[in-house]
Amino acid sequence: MDLKGLHKFYEALGNALEEMGIEFSYVNGAGEPQIGDTMRILFPVTEDGHVALTEVLVTEYTEDLDLLMLYTTLVVELNEKAAELPEKLLGWNLTCPLGAYGVYEEEKQLYHKYTMPFDRDGAAEDLANDAVTLLELLFGVFSAQYEEYIAYSEE
């Protein structure tokens, strides 16, 4: 996706998130916009208002194909039960409809990552609609499992 398309994508995604009442911020890279710029979304995962941080970005994969990446931090600081997570992740990843869960050992964080390839010549607005659909699906999954995640949280 060229820079003009990238700008249109983030603009369309931002408009959709605003309509949904979702908080977000746009993080510029070295240029405005550029491949590697990120949209950070605070998406509610429970009715009580608990949120997860999702970062959305577009990156070049091949000459004709780009990737839409959704990266969500589910637990910022893992507790002493974190040693149990590798076995738990096997089950979570087996039943997760999109993407995969993982643990960053050094940062002691639980995350989920999903990557979707897309045709670089496609419409930016269509990609933004796809991103919203993916976010809604993933956060349905996250909401259903939220209690399991926070069992591993230091907070």
Protein backbone atom coordinates (compact mmCIF):
# COMPACT_ATOMS: atom_id res chain seq x y z
CA MET A 1 0.00 0.00 0.00
CA ASP A 2 1.45 3.34 -0.96
CA LEU A 3 1.61 6.24 1.46
CA LYS A 4 -1.57 7.82 0.11
CA GLY A 5 -3.44 4.53 0.58
CA LEU A 6 -1.96 4.10 4.04
CA HIS A 7 -3.20 7.54 5.04
CA LYS A 8 -6.68 6.70 3.71
CA PHE A 9 -6.63 3.39 5.62
CA TYR A 10 -5.82 5.00 8.96
CA GLU A 11 -8.32 7.78 8.35
CA ALA A 12 -11.12 5.29 7.54
CA LEU A 13 -10.19 3.09 10.50
CA GLY A 14 -10.12 6.11 12.79
CA ASN A 15 -13.55 7.24 11.57
CA ALA A 16 -15.00 3.77 12.21
CA LEU A 17 -13.48 3.64 15.70
CA GLU A 18 -14.80 7.12 16.52
CA GLU A 19 -18.30 6.01 15.50
CA MET A 20 -17.93 3.05 17.86
CA GLY A 21 -16.75 5.30 20.71
CA ILE A 22 -13.36 3.57 20.87
CA GLU A 23 -10.26 5.47 22.03
CA PHE A 24 -7.26 5.43 19.72
CA SER A 25 -4.14 7.35 18.84
CA TYR A 26 -2.00 7.47 15.76
CA VAL A 27 1.74 7.03 16.20
CA ASN A 28 3.88 8.43 13.40
CA GLY A 29 7.07 6.86 12.20
CA ALA A 30 9.77 9.00 10.64
CA GLY A 31 7.42 10.41 7.97
CA GLU A 32 3.73 11.23 7.82
CA PRO A 33 2.39 8.70 7.04
CA GLN A 34 4.77 5.87 6.26
CA ILE A 35 4.87 2.13 6.29
CA GLY A 36 5.38 1.27 9.95
CA ASP A 37 3.10 3.96 11.35
CA THR A 38 0.83 2.49 14.00
CA MET A 39 -2.67 3.05 15.33
CA ARG A 40 -3.01 2.20 19.01
CA ILE A 41 -6.47 1.27 20.17
CA LEU A 42 -7.82 0.98 23.71
CA PHE A 43 -10.58 -1.51 23.07
CA PRO A 44 -12.97 -2.47 25.88
CA VAL A 45 -12.95 -6.21 26.52
CA THR A 46 -15.47 -6.30 29.38
CA GLU A 47 -18.67 -4.49 30.23
CA ASP A 48 -16.87 -3.19 33.33
CA GLY A 49 -14.61 -1.14 31.07
CA HIS A 50 -11.40 -3.19 31.17
CA VAL A 51 -9.40 -2.44 28.04
CA ALA A 52 -6.66 -4.11 26.03
CA LEU A 53 -4.11 -2.24 23.95
CA THR A 54 -4.15 -3.25 20.29
CA GLU A 55 -1.64 -1.91 17.82
CA VAL A 56 -2.66 -1.94 14.14
CA LEU A 57 -0.10 -1.51 11.42
CA VAL A 58 0.46 -2.21 7.75
CA THR A 59 3.78 -3.51 6.53
CA GLU A 60 5.22 -4.59 3.20
CA TYR A 61 5.65 -8.36 2.79
CA THR A 62 6.47 -8.81 -0.89
CA GLU A 63 6.40 -6.61 -3.96
CA ASP A 64 2.68 -7.30 -4.48
CA LEU A 65 1.51 -8.18 -1.00
CA ASP A 66 1.26 -6.24 2.23
CA LEU A 67 0.30 -7.40 5.72
CA LEU A 68 -2.23 -6.02 8.16
CA MET A 69 -0.96 -6.78 11.66
CA LEU A 70 -3.00 -6.68 14.87
CA TYR A 71 -0.99 -7.01 18.07
CA THR A 72 -2.81 -6.99 21.42
CA THR A 73 -1.23 -6.82 24.87
CA LEU A 74 -3.62 -8.74 27.15
CA VAL A 75 -1.58 -8.78 30.37
CA VAL A 76 1.07 -6.13 30.93
CA GLU A 77 2.74 -7.72 33.97
CA LEU A 78 2.49 -11.47 34.56
CA ASN A 79 2.36 -12.87 38.09
CA GLU A 80 4.02 -15.95 39.59
CA LYS A 81 1.50 -18.23 37.81
CA ALA A 82 3.12 -17.34 34.46
CA ALA A 83 5.03 -20.63 34.51
CA GLU A 84 1.69 -22.35 33.79
CA LEU A 85 1.06 -20.30 30.64
CA PRO A 86 2.94 -22.39 28.04
CA GLU A 87 0.57 -25.31 28.66
CA LYS A 88 -2.47 -22.98 28.73
CA LEU A 89 -1.41 -21.36 25.46
CA LEU A 90 -1.56 -24.73 23.69
CA GLY A 91 -5.31 -24.94 24.39
CA TRP A 92 -5.98 -21.26 23.77
CA ASN A 93 -4.18 -21.36 20.41
CA LEU A 94 -5.98 -24.53 19.40
CA THR A 95 -9.40 -22.92 19.87
CA CYS A 96 -8.62 -19.34 18.83
CA PRO A 97 -10.36 -18.57 15.50
CA LEU A 98 -7.65 -16.12 14.38
CA GLY A 99 -4.02 -15.58 15.22
CA ALA A 100 -2.11 -16.90 18.20
CA TYR A 101 -1.29 -16.13 21.81
CA GLY A 102 2.23 -15.83 23.11
CA VAL A 103 4.32 -14.70 26.07
CA TYR A 104 7.19 -12.26 26.02
CA GLU A 105 9.41 -13.71 28.74
CA GLU A 106 11.61 -10.63 29.24
CA GLU A 107 8.73 -8.16 29.49
CA LYS A 108 6.53 -10.70 31.28
CA GLN A 109 3.57 -9.93 29.01
CA LEU A 110 0.77 -12.02 27.52
CA TYR A 111 -0.08 -11.03 23.94
CA HIS A 112 -2.11 -12.06 20.92
CA LYS A 113 -1.02 -11.47 17.33
CA TYR A 114 -2.87 -11.80 14.05
CA THR A 115 -1.49 -11.10 10.58
CA MET A 116 -3.59 -10.90 7.43
CA PRO A 117 -2.09 -10.62 3.94
CA PHE A 118 -3.88 -8.32 1.51
CA ASP A 119 -3.53 -7.16 -2.06
CA ARG A 120 -1.65 -3.90 -2.10
CA ASP A 121 -3.88 -2.59 -4.91
CA GLY A 122 -7.09 -3.00 -2.87
CA ALA A 123 -9.13 -0.08 -1.56
CA ALA A 124 -7.95 1.37 1.74
CA GLU A 125 -11.53 1.75 2.96
CA ASP A 126 -12.17 -1.98 2.35
CA LEU A 127 -9.09 -2.86 4.39
CA ALA A 128 -10.29 -0.58 7.21
CA ASN A 129 -13.66 -2.38 7.17
CA ASP A 130 -11.84 -5.72 7.33
CA ALA A 131 -9.77 -4.45 10.26
CA VAL A 132 -12.91 -3.42 12.18
CA THR A 133 -14.49 -6.83 11.52
CA LEU A 134 -11.34 -8.57 12.76
CA LEU A 135 -11.20 -6.37 15.86
CA GLU A 136 -14.83 -7.14 16.69
CA LEU A 137 -14.25 -10.87 16.30
CA LEU A 138 -11.05 -10.91 18.29
CA PHE A 139 -12.42 -8.82 21.10
CA GLY A 140 -15.39 -11.16 21.34
CA VAL A 141 -12.86 -13.91 21.95
CA PHE A 142 -10.88 -11.75 24.38
CA SER A 143 -14.03 -10.80 26.30
CA ALA A 144 -15.08 -14.42 26.69
CA GLN A 145 -11.64 -15.38 28.06
CA TYR A 146 -10.82 -12.21 30.00
CA GLU A 147 -11.17 -13.87 33.41
CA GLU A 148 -8.63 -16.50 32.36
CA TYR A 149 -6.12 -13.82 31.31
CA ILE A 150 -6.33 -11.77 34.48
CA ALA A 151 -5.64 -14.87 36.57
CA TYR A 152 -2.05 -14.39 35.33
CA SER A 153 -1.93 -10.63 35.89
CA GLU A 154 0.18 -8.95 38.55
CA GLU A 155 -2.33 -6.08 38.73
